[in-house]
Amino acid sequence: MSIASAIVLFAVIWFMVFLMMLPQRLKTQGEAGDVVPGTHASAPSNPEIKRKVLITTAITAVLWALVAYIIISGTITVRDMDWLGLLD
């Protein structure tokens, strides 16, 4: 795996984890009882983006190391996923 593909793999995993982390422990303005005029009641009152970015980065580092090990070691290859026999 080259450096460019390692960075792309990290970025893809990071964004997937981040999009799963965004709705976690989200408290809306309506639930908090403090709706700012001009905003929707379902808008987050405190999204805690910095905390979610740090947690996302930690989770991604572990997942990336696992996936990179599987790719580099050859445990699972493209030929293992060729169920139709197109690569032969």
Protein backbone atom coordinates (compact mmCIF):
# COMPACT_ATOMS: atom_id res chain seq x y z
CA MET A 1 0.00 0.00 0.00
CA SER A 2 1.46 3.36 -0.99
CA ILE A 3 1.39 6.48 1.17
CA ALA A 4 -1.29 8.08 -0.98
CA SER A 5 -3.60 5.09 -0.69
CA ALA A 6 -2.96 4.93 3.07
CA ILE A 7 -3.98 8.58 3.43
CA VAL A 8 -7.08 8.06 1.29
CA LEU A 9 -8.03 4.98 3.33
CA PHE A 10 -7.63 6.97 6.56
CA ALA A 11 -9.75 9.83 5.17
CA VAL A 12 -12.55 7.52 4.01
CA ILE A 13 -12.69 5.71 7.35
CA TRP A 14 -12.48 9.03 9.24
CA PHE A 15 -15.46 10.55 7.40
CA MET A 16 -17.55 7.39 7.77
CA VAL A 17 -16.90 7.29 11.52
CA PHE A 18 -17.46 11.05 11.84
CA LEU A 19 -20.85 10.85 10.14
CA MET A 20 -21.82 8.07 12.55
CA MET A 21 -20.59 10.11 15.54
CA LEU A 22 -22.46 13.34 14.72
CA PRO A 23 -25.91 12.27 15.98
CA GLN A 24 -24.54 10.57 19.11
CA ARG A 25 -25.50 12.27 22.42
CA LEU A 26 -27.08 15.14 20.56
CA LYS A 27 -29.33 17.43 22.57
CA THR A 28 -31.58 19.67 20.52
CA GLN A 29 -32.53 23.23 21.39
CA GLY A 30 -36.11 22.06 21.86
CA GLU A 31 -35.04 19.45 24.41
CA ALA A 32 -32.85 22.00 26.21
CA GLY A 33 -35.73 24.50 26.28
CA ASP A 34 -33.58 27.29 24.83
CA VAL A 35 -34.58 27.83 21.20
CA VAL A 36 -32.63 30.69 19.62
CA PRO A 37 -34.88 32.94 17.53
CA GLY A 38 -34.49 32.24 13.83
CA THR A 39 -33.36 28.62 14.31
CA HIS A 40 -35.26 25.38 14.21
CA ALA A 41 -36.14 23.65 17.49
CA SER A 42 -34.35 20.52 16.29
CA ALA A 43 -31.03 22.36 15.84
CA PRO A 44 -28.34 21.14 18.25
CA SER A 45 -27.88 23.23 21.38
CA ASN A 46 -24.26 22.15 21.89
CA PRO A 47 -22.96 19.83 19.14
CA GLU A 48 -19.53 19.28 20.86
CA ILE A 49 -17.78 19.06 17.48
CA LYS A 50 -14.23 19.21 18.92
CA ARG A 51 -14.91 16.27 21.23
CA LYS A 52 -16.47 14.27 18.41
CA VAL A 53 -13.53 15.00 16.11
CA LEU A 54 -11.07 13.74 18.74
CA ILE A 55 -13.10 10.58 19.40
CA THR A 56 -13.48 10.02 15.65
CA THR A 57 -9.73 10.33 15.13
CA ALA A 58 -8.98 7.83 17.90
CA ILE A 59 -11.49 5.28 16.58
CA THR A 60 -10.26 5.80 13.02
CA ALA A 61 -6.63 5.23 14.02
CA VAL A 62 -7.52 1.82 15.44
CA LEU A 63 -9.71 0.83 12.50
CA TRP A 64 -7.14 2.10 9.98
CA ALA A 65 -4.35 0.10 11.63
CA LEU A 66 -6.49 -3.04 11.48
CA VAL A 67 -7.48 -2.55 7.83
CA ALA A 68 -3.93 -1.57 6.81
CA TYR A 69 -2.57 -4.71 8.50
CA ILE A 70 -5.09 -6.89 6.65
CA ILE A 71 -4.20 -5.27 3.32
CA ILE A 72 -0.43 -5.33 3.81
CA SER A 73 -0.29 -8.87 5.20
CA GLY A 74 -2.41 -10.22 2.36
CA THR A 75 -4.91 -11.87 4.68
CA ILE A 76 -7.70 -10.75 2.37
CA THR A 77 -6.88 -9.93 -1.25
CA VAL A 78 -8.87 -8.79 -4.27
CA ARG A 79 -8.83 -12.35 -5.59
CA ASP A 80 -10.60 -13.52 -2.42
CA MET A 81 -13.54 -11.27 -3.33
CA ASP A 82 -13.70 -12.34 -6.99
CA TRP A 83 -16.82 -14.48 -6.65
CA LEU A 84 -17.63 -14.31 -10.37
CA GLY A 85 -14.16 -15.46 -11.48
CA LEU A 86 -13.51 -12.35 -13.58
CA LEU A 87 -9.84 -12.01 -12.53
CA ASP A 88 -8.76 -15.45 -13.73
